[in-house]
């Protein structure tokens, strides 16, 4: 045995990332009786996007009791919509409650993962060392790597530049001329948070957003005491919040033309704060509400109406020293630029570092668009599962619901491997991946995300929606309740592992028939 093989650690499961997806996977592994796993985290603490995004005003737009794990209810949420600091504290609490810290390797950014077909395992190189794993669970999330547009002349800007997800808390914005680029979920929280203390704020708006009032309030001590004394009340509160959103999703996925009433509410919300007709016109979207994610704020429009704020109805196109030039020719002077321009969602950077069975990276495989069986398994990448994978996002509810469904799928995946016995891997059949994604895209055609007349971050470079799930969370839970082995090929080493021989497809007696694998996914599972 080679020297490097003697010292290399091997684990059954390697989880990448310690946000909601990674920590949820770790908890589920422990609950399944699996303790031989590690969580590889590039930073020095848990939290994922809720660690990285600490900009002023950062908060969640999903109610607190729904934006938490069903197996870890929190009766102590202080507000109906929680701020970043409370969500991050919750994730630290989950880490400690479920004794996950011994499994977490901080400072262990994954540099490369390569499938070893001879030994039927993953070779993993991290910033802190090398290891191997039978199964990899990628939980890096779609909101982990900031996207900064390539603006000509940006390198000539003499002031401060940073992305909302990399906020520089050491830089004082007081009295400064600040340019905010973008009008997404981060920007509408940043603008009202910094507007009172900056000298002048210029918002570069490429596309206006639909903004609804944020019905946030403090949760009273009596409510929290009730939730502590009677945990069932927390479950009832969560169930009510879930049910309302399950009903709402029908309008997004099946009846977009019924959203006109919601648009009128949003317009009234704007008119109450924006009295200038010209400004109101610049802020009014020309696409159907819901096509882009509906934003929640009761402070955004009042902040834009303040005398020290300018709204440029065009994106930033060029920087000339301290002068910022918009696409429509408007110019503004700035001391600091804050990019609220989102993340690499449809081109996940982790995909560049994952090399599958045929020697291609996941990024190369997904060059024409991301596709994965039930949002989890990509063909040619055995024993590699993605949490928050392609078409598992939501436009109106809590991602935690989708994460827990994917964790159900992961648990059954590992059970199926145990049943098969020995060193074994499951590789999604291309036909099964194709069938699943064809049905997802067919259902996508009538949704507001595809018919609403906008260009959103849900769409990839070819205009295909590879981000959002076109149904309810209950639909997705049914579709991921179990692993159907007919959708996978079973891989085993051809001979004893000591020989170092290549892996082989299991014989027909082990693999279920190709005919069953080719069959269509039941309609009720792809709703």
Protein backbone atom coordinates (compact mmCIF):
# COMPACT_ATOMS: atom_id res chain seq x y z
CA UNK A 1 0.00 0.00 0.00
CA UNK A 2 1.33 3.43 -0.94
CA UNK A 3 2.41 5.76 1.83
CA UNK A 4 -0.31 8.32 1.10
CA UNK A 5 -2.95 5.57 1.35
CA UNK A 6 -1.71 4.59 4.81
CA UNK A 7 -2.28 8.00 6.35
CA UNK A 8 -5.42 9.06 4.47
CA UNK A 9 -8.55 9.13 6.59
CA UNK A 10 -11.66 7.38 5.29
CA UNK A 11 -15.23 8.17 6.34
CA UNK A 12 -18.56 6.79 5.28
CA UNK A 13 -20.07 10.23 4.53
CA UNK A 14 -18.47 13.61 3.88
CA UNK A 15 -20.84 16.58 4.11
CA UNK A 16 -19.72 19.82 2.47
CA UNK A 17 -20.97 23.01 4.15
CA UNK A 18 -22.42 23.86 7.57
CA UNK A 19 -25.44 25.99 6.77
CA UNK A 20 -29.00 24.73 7.13
CA UNK A 21 -28.40 22.00 4.54
CA UNK A 22 -25.13 20.70 5.97
CA UNK A 23 -26.18 20.81 9.62
CA UNK A 24 -29.52 19.23 8.75
CA UNK A 25 -27.69 16.41 6.95
CA UNK A 26 -25.41 15.91 9.96
CA UNK A 27 -28.38 15.69 12.34
CA UNK A 28 -30.16 13.25 10.04
CA UNK A 29 -27.06 11.04 9.82
CA UNK A 30 -26.86 10.84 13.60
CA UNK A 31 -30.57 10.08 13.86
CA UNK A 32 -30.04 7.24 11.37
CA UNK A 33 -27.32 5.83 13.62
CA UNK A 34 -24.47 6.94 11.35
CA UNK A 35 -21.57 8.55 13.23
CA UNK A 36 -18.75 7.91 10.76
CA UNK A 37 -19.02 11.26 8.96
CA UNK A 38 -17.37 14.67 8.76
CA UNK A 39 -18.69 18.12 7.90
CA UNK A 40 -16.20 20.09 5.80
CA UNK A 41 -16.56 23.84 6.37
CA UNK A 42 -14.37 26.45 4.66
CA UNK A 43 -14.91 29.11 7.33
CA UNK A 44 -14.23 29.11 11.08
CA UNK A 45 -17.85 28.82 12.24
CA UNK A 46 -21.17 27.35 11.19
CA UNK A 47 -24.04 29.25 9.63
CA UNK A 48 -23.53 29.32 5.87
CA UNK A 49 -25.33 32.24 4.27
CA UNK A 50 -26.48 33.43 7.71
CA UNK A 51 -22.85 33.71 8.79
CA UNK A 52 -21.65 35.40 5.61
CA UNK A 53 -24.50 37.90 5.24
CA UNK A 54 -24.19 40.29 8.14
CA UNK A 55 -24.99 43.53 6.34
CA UNK A 56 -27.07 46.21 8.14
CA UNK A 57 -30.74 45.22 8.23
CA UNK A 58 -30.14 41.59 7.25
CA UNK A 59 -33.19 39.49 8.10
CA UNK A 60 -35.29 36.63 6.76
CA UNK A 61 -38.44 37.10 4.67
CA UNK A 62 -39.95 33.80 5.85
CA UNK A 63 -41.68 33.66 9.28
CA UNK A 64 -39.38 32.45 12.05
CA UNK A 65 -41.42 29.42 13.11
CA UNK A 66 -41.42 28.14 9.52
CA UNK A 67 -37.79 28.99 8.86
CA UNK A 68 -36.45 26.41 11.30
CA UNK A 69 -36.10 22.64 11.47
CA UNK A 70 -39.22 20.64 12.36
CA UNK A 71 -37.03 18.47 14.62
CA UNK A 72 -35.56 21.51 16.40
CA UNK A 73 -38.42 23.92 17.18
CA UNK A 74 -37.44 27.20 18.81
CA UNK A 75 -40.00 28.67 21.23
CA UNK A 76 -37.74 31.69 21.83
CA UNK A 77 -37.91 33.46 18.48
CA UNK A 78 -38.06 37.17 19.41
CA UNK A 79 -39.80 38.39 16.24
CA UNK A 80 -42.19 36.99 13.65
CA UNK A 81 -39.47 37.59 11.04
CA UNK A 82 -36.03 36.96 12.50
CA UNK A 83 -32.87 38.95 11.96
CA UNK A 84 -29.57 37.46 10.86
CA UNK A 85 -28.10 37.36 14.34
CA UNK A 86 -30.99 35.29 15.71
CA UNK A 87 -30.92 32.79 12.84
CA UNK A 88 -27.18 32.36 13.17
CA UNK A 89 -27.57 31.84 16.93
CA UNK A 90 -30.24 29.21 16.22
CA UNK A 91 -27.84 27.29 13.98
CA UNK A 92 -25.14 27.42 16.66
CA UNK A 93 -27.74 26.07 19.11
CA UNK A 94 -28.63 23.21 16.73
CA UNK A 95 -24.93 22.39 16.38
CA UNK A 96 -24.52 22.09 20.15
CA UNK A 97 -27.86 20.41 20.90
CA UNK A 98 -27.19 17.58 18.45
CA UNK A 99 -23.49 17.30 19.38
CA UNK A 100 -22.22 18.03 15.88
CA UNK A 101 -19.02 19.92 16.69
CA UNK A 102 -16.78 16.81 16.90
CA UNK A 103 -17.72 16.06 13.29
CA UNK A 104 -17.02 19.55 11.89
CA UNK A 105 -13.68 20.38 10.25
CA UNK A 106 -13.34 24.16 10.10
CA UNK A 107 -10.90 25.74 7.65
CA UNK A 108 -11.44 22.79 5.31
CA UNK A 109 -12.54 24.31 2.03
CA UNK A 110 -12.95 21.60 -0.59
CA UNK A 111 -10.46 22.13 -3.39
CA UNK A 112 -11.21 19.02 -5.43
CA UNK A 113 -13.27 15.82 -5.28
CA UNK A 114 -12.55 12.98 -7.71
CA UNK A 115 -14.51 9.75 -8.10
CA UNK A 116 -12.26 6.70 -7.74
CA UNK A 117 -13.94 4.04 -9.87
CA UNK A 118 -11.45 1.36 -8.85
CA UNK A 119 -12.20 1.62 -5.16
CA UNK A 120 -15.75 2.97 -5.51
CA UNK A 121 -15.21 6.01 -3.33
CA UNK A 122 -14.52 9.74 -3.46
CA UNK A 123 -11.01 11.19 -3.14
CA UNK A 124 -11.30 14.57 -1.44
CA UNK A 125 -8.69 17.30 -1.19
CA UNK A 126 -9.35 20.10 1.30
CA UNK A 127 -7.43 23.09 2.62
CA UNK A 128 -6.68 21.08 5.78
CA UNK A 129 -5.75 17.76 4.21
CA UNK A 130 -6.95 14.78 2.20
CA UNK A 131 -9.52 12.09 2.93
CA UNK A 132 -11.76 9.59 1.19
CA UNK A 133 -15.49 8.95 1.57
CA UNK A 134 -18.05 6.41 0.39
CA UNK A 135 -20.70 9.11 -0.04
CA UNK A 136 -20.48 12.89 -0.52
CA UNK A 137 -23.33 15.22 0.42
CA UNK A 138 -22.84 18.64 -1.16
CA UNK A 139 -24.66 21.25 0.90
CA UNK A 140 -22.83 24.37 -0.22
CA UNK A 141 -26.10 26.10 -1.07
CA UNK A 142 -26.94 28.43 -3.95
CA UNK A 143 -26.36 31.64 -1.94
CA UNK A 144 -22.78 31.01 -0.90
CA UNK A 145 -20.58 32.64 -3.56
CA UNK A 146 -21.22 36.34 -4.31
CA UNK A 147 -21.55 37.52 -7.89
CA UNK A 148 -19.97 40.87 -8.76
CA UNK A 149 -20.60 42.07 -12.33
CA UNK A 150 -17.65 42.89 -14.58
CA UNK A 151 -17.93 46.69 -14.70
CA UNK A 152 -15.43 48.50 -16.97
CA UNK A 153 -13.25 50.84 -14.93
CA UNK A 154 -14.18 49.41 -11.54
CA UNK A 155 -10.49 48.95 -10.79
CA UNK A 156 -10.02 52.72 -11.14
CA UNK A 157 -12.49 53.54 -8.37
CA UNK A 158 -10.55 55.20 -5.53
CA UNK A 159 -13.11 54.48 -2.80
CA UNK A 160 -14.38 51.40 -0.99
CA UNK A 161 -16.00 48.49 -2.86
CA UNK A 162 -17.65 45.41 -1.34
CA UNK A 163 -20.48 42.93 -1.89
CA UNK A 164 -23.40 42.75 0.54
CA UNK A 165 -22.33 39.21 1.53
CA UNK A 166 -18.81 40.43 2.37
CA UNK A 167 -19.76 43.54 4.32
CA UNK A 168 -16.82 45.56 5.61
CA UNK A 169 -17.88 46.48 9.14
CA UNK A 170 -14.66 48.40 9.64
CA UNK A 171 -15.64 50.99 7.03
CA UNK A 172 -17.78 53.86 8.35
CA UNK A 173 -20.47 54.98 5.90
CA UNK A 174 -21.40 58.03 7.97
CA UNK A 175 -21.60 61.11 5.76
CA UNK A 176 -20.31 59.24 2.72
CA UNK A 177 -21.68 59.22 -0.83
CA UNK A 178 -22.79 55.60 -1.18
CA UNK A 179 -23.90 53.80 -4.33
CA UNK A 180 -25.99 50.65 -3.94
CA UNK A 181 -26.05 48.45 -7.05
CA UNK A 182 -29.11 46.21 -7.38
CA UNK A 183 -32.64 46.04 -6.04
CA UNK A 184 -32.92 42.47 -4.77
CA UNK A 185 -33.65 41.10 -1.30
CA UNK A 186 -30.34 42.36 0.17
CA UNK A 187 -30.55 45.87 -1.30
CA UNK A 188 -34.05 46.58 -0.02
CA UNK A 189 -32.83 45.82 3.51
CA UNK A 190 -29.53 47.70 3.19
CA UNK A 191 -31.02 50.93 1.79
CA UNK A 192 -33.33 51.78 4.75
CA UNK A 193 -30.68 50.61 7.23
CA UNK A 194 -27.93 52.94 6.00
CA UNK A 195 -29.95 55.84 4.52
CA UNK A 196 -30.24 57.83 7.79
CA UNK A 197 -26.46 58.06 8.27
CA UNK A 198 -25.01 58.43 4.77
CA UNK A 199 -24.51 61.80 3.14
CA UNK A 200 -26.09 60.74 -0.15
CA UNK A 201 -27.33 57.37 -1.35
CA UNK A 202 -27.64 56.56 -5.05
CA UNK A 203 -29.53 53.40 -5.95
CA UNK A 204 -28.78 51.92 -9.37
CA UNK A 205 -31.91 50.00 -10.32
CA UNK A 206 -31.76 47.87 -13.45
CA UNK A 207 -35.21 46.36 -12.80
CA UNK A 208 -37.70 47.50 -10.12
CA UNK A 209 -38.98 44.91 -7.66
CA UNK A 210 -42.46 44.17 -6.37
CA UNK A 211 -42.41 45.00 -2.66
CA UNK A 212 -45.11 43.99 -0.18
CA UNK A 213 -45.46 45.27 3.40
CA UNK A 214 -43.45 43.34 5.94
CA UNK A 215 -45.86 42.33 8.72
CA UNK A 216 -43.16 42.02 11.34
CA UNK A 217 -43.66 42.42 15.07
CA UNK A 218 -42.10 41.38 18.36
CA UNK A 219 -43.29 38.04 19.73
CA UNK A 220 -44.55 38.72 23.24
CA UNK A 221 -43.20 37.09 26.36
CA UNK A 222 -46.60 35.47 26.90
CA UNK A 223 -46.46 33.84 23.47
CA UNK A 224 -42.98 32.50 24.08
CA UNK A 225 -43.99 31.20 27.51
CA UNK A 226 -46.95 29.41 25.93
CA UNK A 227 -44.71 27.81 23.31
CA UNK A 228 -42.30 26.65 26.05
CA UNK A 229 -45.06 25.20 28.23
CA UNK A 230 -47.07 23.64 25.39
CA UNK A 231 -44.80 22.64 22.49
CA UNK A 232 -47.85 21.62 20.48
CA UNK A 233 -48.66 25.32 20.07
CA UNK A 234 -45.37 25.83 18.24
CA UNK A 235 -46.24 22.99 15.89
CA UNK A 236 -49.71 24.44 15.32
CA UNK A 237 -48.25 27.87 14.56
CA UNK A 238 -45.80 26.32 12.10
CA UNK A 239 -48.56 24.25 10.49
CA UNK A 240 -50.75 27.30 9.97
CA UNK A 241 -47.92 29.26 8.35
CA UNK A 242 -47.13 26.28 6.13
CA UNK A 243 -50.73 25.76 5.08
CA UNK A 244 -51.21 29.37 4.03
CA UNK A 245 -48.17 29.19 1.75
CA UNK A 246 -49.22 25.85 0.28
CA UNK A 247 -52.48 27.48 -0.80
CA UNK A 248 -50.69 30.54 -2.19
CA UNK A 249 -48.36 28.52 -4.40
CA UNK A 250 -51.25 27.47 -6.63
CA UNK A 251 -51.42 31.02 -7.98
CA UNK A 252 -47.68 30.98 -8.77
CA UNK A 253 -47.62 27.57 -10.41
CA UNK A 254 -51.03 27.18 -12.03
CA UNK A 255 -52.94 30.47 -12.17
CA UNK A 256 -50.52 33.43 -12.63
CA UNK A 257 -53.30 35.58 -14.07
CA UNK A 258 -54.98 35.61 -10.66
CA UNK A 259 -52.11 37.64 -9.16
CA UNK A 260 -53.53 41.00 -10.23
CA UNK A 261 -55.13 41.49 -6.82
CA UNK A 262 -51.76 41.07 -5.11
CA UNK A 263 -50.23 43.60 -7.51
CA UNK A 264 -52.83 46.17 -6.47
CA UNK A 265 -51.86 45.68 -2.80
CA UNK A 266 -48.20 46.19 -3.70
CA UNK A 267 -49.00 49.36 -5.65
CA UNK A 268 -50.96 50.77 -2.72
CA UNK A 269 -47.99 50.00 -0.49
CA UNK A 270 -45.79 52.04 -2.83
CA UNK A 271 -48.25 54.91 -3.24
CA UNK A 272 -48.53 55.34 0.54
CA UNK A 273 -44.85 56.29 0.76
CA UNK A 274 -43.92 57.56 -2.72
CA UNK A 275 -45.83 60.77 -3.54
CA UNK A 276 -43.69 61.83 -6.50
CA UNK A 277 -45.38 60.45 -9.67
CA UNK A 278 -42.10 60.33 -11.58
CA UNK A 279 -40.37 58.31 -8.85
CA UNK A 280 -43.40 56.06 -8.53
CA UNK A 281 -43.25 55.35 -12.26
CA UNK A 282 -39.56 54.40 -12.00
CA UNK A 283 -40.33 52.01 -9.14
CA UNK A 284 -43.31 50.27 -10.78
CA UNK A 285 -42.44 46.89 -12.37
CA UNK A 286 -43.68 46.03 -15.85
CA UNK A 287 -43.86 42.29 -15.19
CA UNK A 288 -46.25 40.04 -13.27
CA UNK A 289 -45.79 39.95 -9.50
CA UNK A 290 -44.06 36.76 -8.42
CA UNK A 291 -41.96 36.42 -11.60
CA UNK A 292 -39.06 37.60 -9.46
CA UNK A 293 -39.11 36.85 -5.75
CA UNK A 294 -41.63 39.11 -3.98
CA UNK A 295 -39.75 41.28 -1.50
CA UNK A 296 -41.01 42.27 1.93
CA UNK A 297 -40.30 45.69 3.44
CA UNK A 298 -42.24 48.44 5.15
CA UNK A 299 -39.19 50.74 5.21
CA UNK A 300 -37.80 50.54 1.66
CA UNK A 301 -40.17 52.97 -0.06
CA UNK A 302 -40.10 55.56 2.77
CA UNK A 303 -36.28 55.50 2.58
CA UNK A 304 -36.32 56.09 -1.18
CA UNK A 305 -38.54 59.15 -0.65
CA UNK A 306 -35.98 60.84 1.61
CA UNK A 307 -34.16 63.92 0.21
CA UNK A 308 -30.69 62.34 0.39
CA UNK A 309 -31.64 59.42 -1.89
CA UNK A 310 -31.52 59.27 -5.70
CA UNK A 311 -32.95 56.40 -7.74
CA UNK A 312 -31.28 55.82 -11.10
CA UNK A 313 -33.60 53.72 -13.27
CA UNK A 314 -30.72 51.96 -15.00
CA UNK A 315 -27.90 49.57 -14.17
CA UNK A 316 -24.30 50.58 -13.58
CA UNK A 317 -22.34 50.31 -16.85
CA UNK A 318 -19.01 52.07 -16.26
CA UNK A 319 -16.81 53.58 -13.56
CA UNK A 320 -14.59 56.59 -14.30
CA UNK A 321 -12.59 57.25 -11.17
CA UNK A 322 -15.12 58.28 -8.52
CA UNK A 323 -17.81 58.89 -11.15
CA UNK A 324 -20.34 56.10 -11.70
CA UNK A 325 -22.06 56.01 -15.09
CA UNK A 326 -25.39 54.26 -15.63
CA UNK A 327 -26.47 52.56 -18.86
CA UNK A 328 -28.77 55.52 -19.59
CA UNK A 329 -25.88 58.00 -19.21
CA UNK A 330 -26.78 59.22 -15.71
CA UNK A 331 -23.69 60.05 -13.64
CA UNK A 332 -23.20 60.04 -9.87
CA UNK A 333 -20.23 60.63 -7.58
CA UNK A 334 -19.52 58.04 -4.87
CA UNK A 335 -17.12 57.32 -2.03
CA UNK A 336 -18.27 53.70 -1.64
CA UNK A 337 -19.94 51.08 -3.83
CA UNK A 338 -22.04 48.29 -2.33
CA UNK A 339 -22.96 45.48 -4.70
CA UNK A 340 -26.26 43.79 -3.92
CA UNK A 341 -26.01 41.74 -7.09
CA UNK A 342 -26.73 38.25 -5.83
CA UNK A 343 -24.90 34.96 -6.06
CA UNK A 344 -23.72 32.23 -8.42
CA UNK A 345 -26.95 30.22 -8.37
CA UNK A 346 -27.21 28.50 -11.77
CA UNK A 347 -23.43 28.07 -12.04
CA UNK A 348 -22.45 26.75 -8.60
CA UNK A 349 -18.67 27.18 -8.10
CA UNK A 350 -18.43 23.83 -6.24
CA UNK A 351 -19.32 22.13 -9.54
CA UNK A 352 -15.93 23.12 -10.96
CA UNK A 353 -14.24 21.05 -8.26
CA UNK A 354 -16.18 17.79 -8.58
CA UNK A 355 -14.85 15.23 -11.10
CA UNK A 356 -17.17 12.35 -11.95
CA UNK A 357 -16.84 8.81 -13.29
CA UNK A 358 -16.07 9.88 -16.86
CA UNK A 359 -13.39 12.39 -15.87
CA UNK A 360 -15.59 15.43 -16.49
CA UNK A 361 -16.36 18.00 -13.84
CA UNK A 362 -19.92 18.57 -12.71
CA UNK A 363 -19.68 22.05 -14.24
CA UNK A 364 -18.87 20.50 -17.63
CA UNK A 365 -21.74 18.05 -17.28
CA UNK A 366 -24.07 20.92 -16.43
CA UNK A 367 -22.77 23.21 -19.17
CA UNK A 368 -26.13 23.07 -20.93
CA UNK A 369 -28.08 23.56 -17.68
CA UNK A 370 -28.22 21.94 -14.26
CA UNK A 371 -30.12 18.64 -14.03
CA UNK A 372 -30.40 16.15 -11.20
CA UNK A 373 -32.72 13.27 -10.39
CA UNK A 374 -35.22 14.53 -7.80
CA UNK A 375 -32.93 17.51 -7.25
CA UNK A 376 -30.26 15.28 -5.71
CA UNK A 377 -28.36 12.94 -8.08
CA UNK A 378 -26.52 13.84 -11.28
CA UNK A 379 -25.79 11.07 -13.79
CA UNK A 380 -22.13 10.07 -13.82
CA UNK A 381 -21.52 11.13 -10.21
CA UNK A 382 -22.05 8.01 -8.09
CA UNK A 383 -22.78 8.39 -4.39
CA UNK A 384 -22.82 12.17 -4.75
CA UNK A 385 -25.93 13.91 -3.47
CA UNK A 386 -26.80 17.58 -3.57
CA UNK A 387 -28.90 19.31 -0.92
CA UNK A 388 -30.68 22.33 -2.44
CA UNK A 389 -29.90 20.99 -5.89
CA UNK A 390 -31.43 21.88 -9.26
CA UNK A 391 -35.12 22.84 -9.19
CA UNK A 392 -35.51 22.57 -5.43
CA UNK A 393 -35.79 26.31 -4.70
CA UNK A 394 -38.97 28.06 -3.61
CA UNK A 395 -40.44 31.39 -4.56
CA UNK A 396 -42.91 31.72 -1.72
CA UNK A 397 -42.16 29.47 1.25
CA UNK A 398 -39.41 28.10 3.50
CA UNK A 399 -36.41 26.34 2.00
CA UNK A 400 -36.10 24.38 5.24
CA UNK A 401 -39.14 22.36 4.17
CA UNK A 402 -37.39 21.39 0.94
CA UNK A 403 -34.14 20.62 2.75
CA UNK A 404 -35.90 18.22 5.12
CA UNK A 405 -37.49 16.42 2.16
CA UNK A 406 -34.07 16.02 0.59
CA UNK A 407 -32.73 14.68 3.89
CA UNK A 408 -35.49 12.03 3.81
CA UNK A 409 -34.22 11.05 0.38
CA UNK A 410 -30.62 10.95 1.63
CA UNK A 411 -31.58 8.70 4.55
CA UNK A 412 -33.32 6.20 2.25
CA UNK A 413 -30.39 6.38 -0.19
CA UNK A 414 -28.03 5.23 2.56
CA UNK A 415 -30.48 2.52 3.66
CA UNK A 416 -30.60 1.17 0.10
CA UNK A 417 -26.80 1.00 0.00
CA UNK A 418 -26.85 -0.94 3.28
CA UNK A 419 -29.42 -3.39 1.91
CA UNK A 420 -27.31 -4.02 -1.20
CA UNK A 421 -24.33 -4.77 1.07
CA UNK A 422 -20.58 -4.47 0.61
CA UNK A 423 -18.78 -1.64 -1.15
CA UNK A 424 -21.42 -0.29 -3.48
CA UNK A 425 -22.42 2.94 -5.20
CA UNK A 426 -25.58 4.20 -6.88
CA UNK A 427 -25.32 6.18 -10.11
CA UNK A 428 -28.43 7.93 -11.45
CA UNK A 429 -29.44 6.56 -14.85
CA UNK A 430 -29.30 9.26 -17.56
CA UNK A 431 -32.76 8.21 -18.76
CA UNK A 432 -34.21 8.68 -15.28
CA UNK A 433 -32.57 12.12 -14.90
CA UNK A 434 -33.86 13.10 -18.34
CA UNK A 435 -37.41 11.92 -17.61
CA UNK A 436 -37.54 13.69 -14.26
CA UNK A 437 -36.29 16.99 -15.67
CA UNK A 438 -38.52 16.87 -18.72
CA UNK A 439 -41.52 16.60 -16.43
CA UNK A 440 -40.27 19.39 -14.17
CA UNK A 441 -39.73 21.70 -17.15
CA UNK A 442 -43.12 20.81 -18.61
CA UNK A 443 -44.79 21.84 -15.36
CA UNK A 444 -42.62 24.98 -15.30
CA UNK A 445 -44.10 26.29 -18.56
CA UNK A 446 -47.29 27.61 -16.96
CA UNK A 447 -45.73 29.08 -13.81
CA UNK A 448 -45.36 32.80 -13.16
CA UNK A 449 -41.57 32.37 -13.12
CA UNK A 450 -41.65 31.47 -16.81
CA UNK A 451 -44.70 33.41 -18.01
CA UNK A 452 -44.44 36.57 -15.92
CA UNK A 453 -42.38 38.59 -18.39
CA UNK A 454 -39.18 39.07 -16.39
CA UNK A 455 -35.58 37.91 -16.41
CA UNK A 456 -34.68 36.63 -12.95
CA UNK A 457 -31.84 34.85 -11.19
CA UNK A 458 -34.00 31.72 -11.36
CA UNK A 459 -33.09 31.39 -15.05
CA UNK A 460 -29.80 30.11 -16.39
CA UNK A 461 -27.85 31.52 -19.36
CA UNK A 462 -30.13 29.72 -21.83
CA UNK A 463 -33.29 31.05 -20.17
CA UNK A 464 -34.26 27.74 -18.55
CA UNK A 465 -35.53 27.75 -14.98
CA UNK A 466 -33.19 25.36 -13.16
CA UNK A 467 -33.73 26.85 -9.73
CA UNK A 468 -37.36 26.72 -8.59
CA UNK A 469 -39.63 23.75 -7.83
CA UNK A 470 -42.91 24.09 -9.82
CA UNK A 471 -45.21 22.72 -7.15
CA UNK A 472 -45.99 22.61 -3.46
CA UNK A 473 -43.63 21.45 -0.73
CA UNK A 474 -46.02 18.54 -0.10
CA UNK A 475 -45.60 17.47 -3.75
CA UNK A 476 -41.84 17.47 -3.35
CA UNK A 477 -41.98 15.54 -0.10
CA UNK A 478 -44.00 12.81 -1.79
CA UNK A 479 -41.53 12.70 -4.68
CA UNK A 480 -38.54 12.28 -2.35
CA UNK A 481 -40.04 9.93 0.23
CA UNK A 482 -38.01 6.98 -1.03
CA UNK A 483 -35.24 6.05 -3.46
CA UNK A 484 -36.39 3.99 -6.44
CA UNK A 485 -33.50 1.68 -7.36
CA UNK A 486 -34.91 1.40 -10.87
CA UNK A 487 -33.70 4.97 -11.39
CA UNK A 488 -30.11 4.02 -10.51
CA UNK A 489 -27.36 1.73 -11.67
CA UNK A 490 -25.54 -0.21 -8.97
CA UNK A 491 -21.74 -0.10 -9.03
CA UNK A 492 -19.39 -2.53 -7.29
CA UNK A 493 -15.66 -3.21 -7.58
CA UNK A 494 -15.10 -5.74 -10.39
CA UNK A 495 -12.94 -7.87 -8.09
CA UNK A 496 -11.58 -7.61 -4.58
CA UNK A 497 -10.62 -4.01 -3.78
CA UNK A 498 -7.04 -5.07 -3.01
CA UNK A 499 -6.52 -5.77 -6.72
CA UNK A 500 -7.28 -2.15 -7.54
CA UNK A 501 -9.51 -3.21 -10.41
CA UNK A 502 -12.09 -0.90 -11.89
CA UNK A 503 -15.64 -0.84 -10.67
CA UNK A 504 -18.29 -2.57 -12.72
CA UNK A 505 -22.00 -2.30 -13.21
CA UNK A 506 -23.78 -4.89 -11.14
CA UNK A 507 -25.16 -7.89 -13.07
CA UNK A 508 -28.77 -7.99 -14.12
CA UNK A 509 -29.66 -9.98 -11.05
CA UNK A 510 -28.59 -7.05 -8.89
CA UNK A 511 -29.64 -4.14 -11.11
CA UNK A 512 -33.32 -3.71 -11.69
CA UNK A 513 -34.37 -3.93 -15.29
CA UNK A 514 -33.60 -1.13 -17.70
CA UNK A 515 -37.20 -1.18 -18.81
CA UNK A 516 -38.34 -0.19 -15.31
CA UNK A 517 -35.69 2.52 -15.18
CA UNK A 518 -36.95 4.02 -18.44
CA UNK A 519 -40.50 4.32 -17.21
CA UNK A 520 -42.00 7.77 -16.68
CA UNK A 521 -42.01 9.31 -13.24
CA UNK A 522 -45.58 9.10 -11.86
CA UNK A 523 -47.46 12.35 -12.39
CA UNK A 524 -48.29 12.73 -8.74
CA UNK A 525 -44.58 12.67 -7.91
CA UNK A 526 -43.66 15.43 -10.33
CA UNK A 527 -46.53 17.76 -9.54
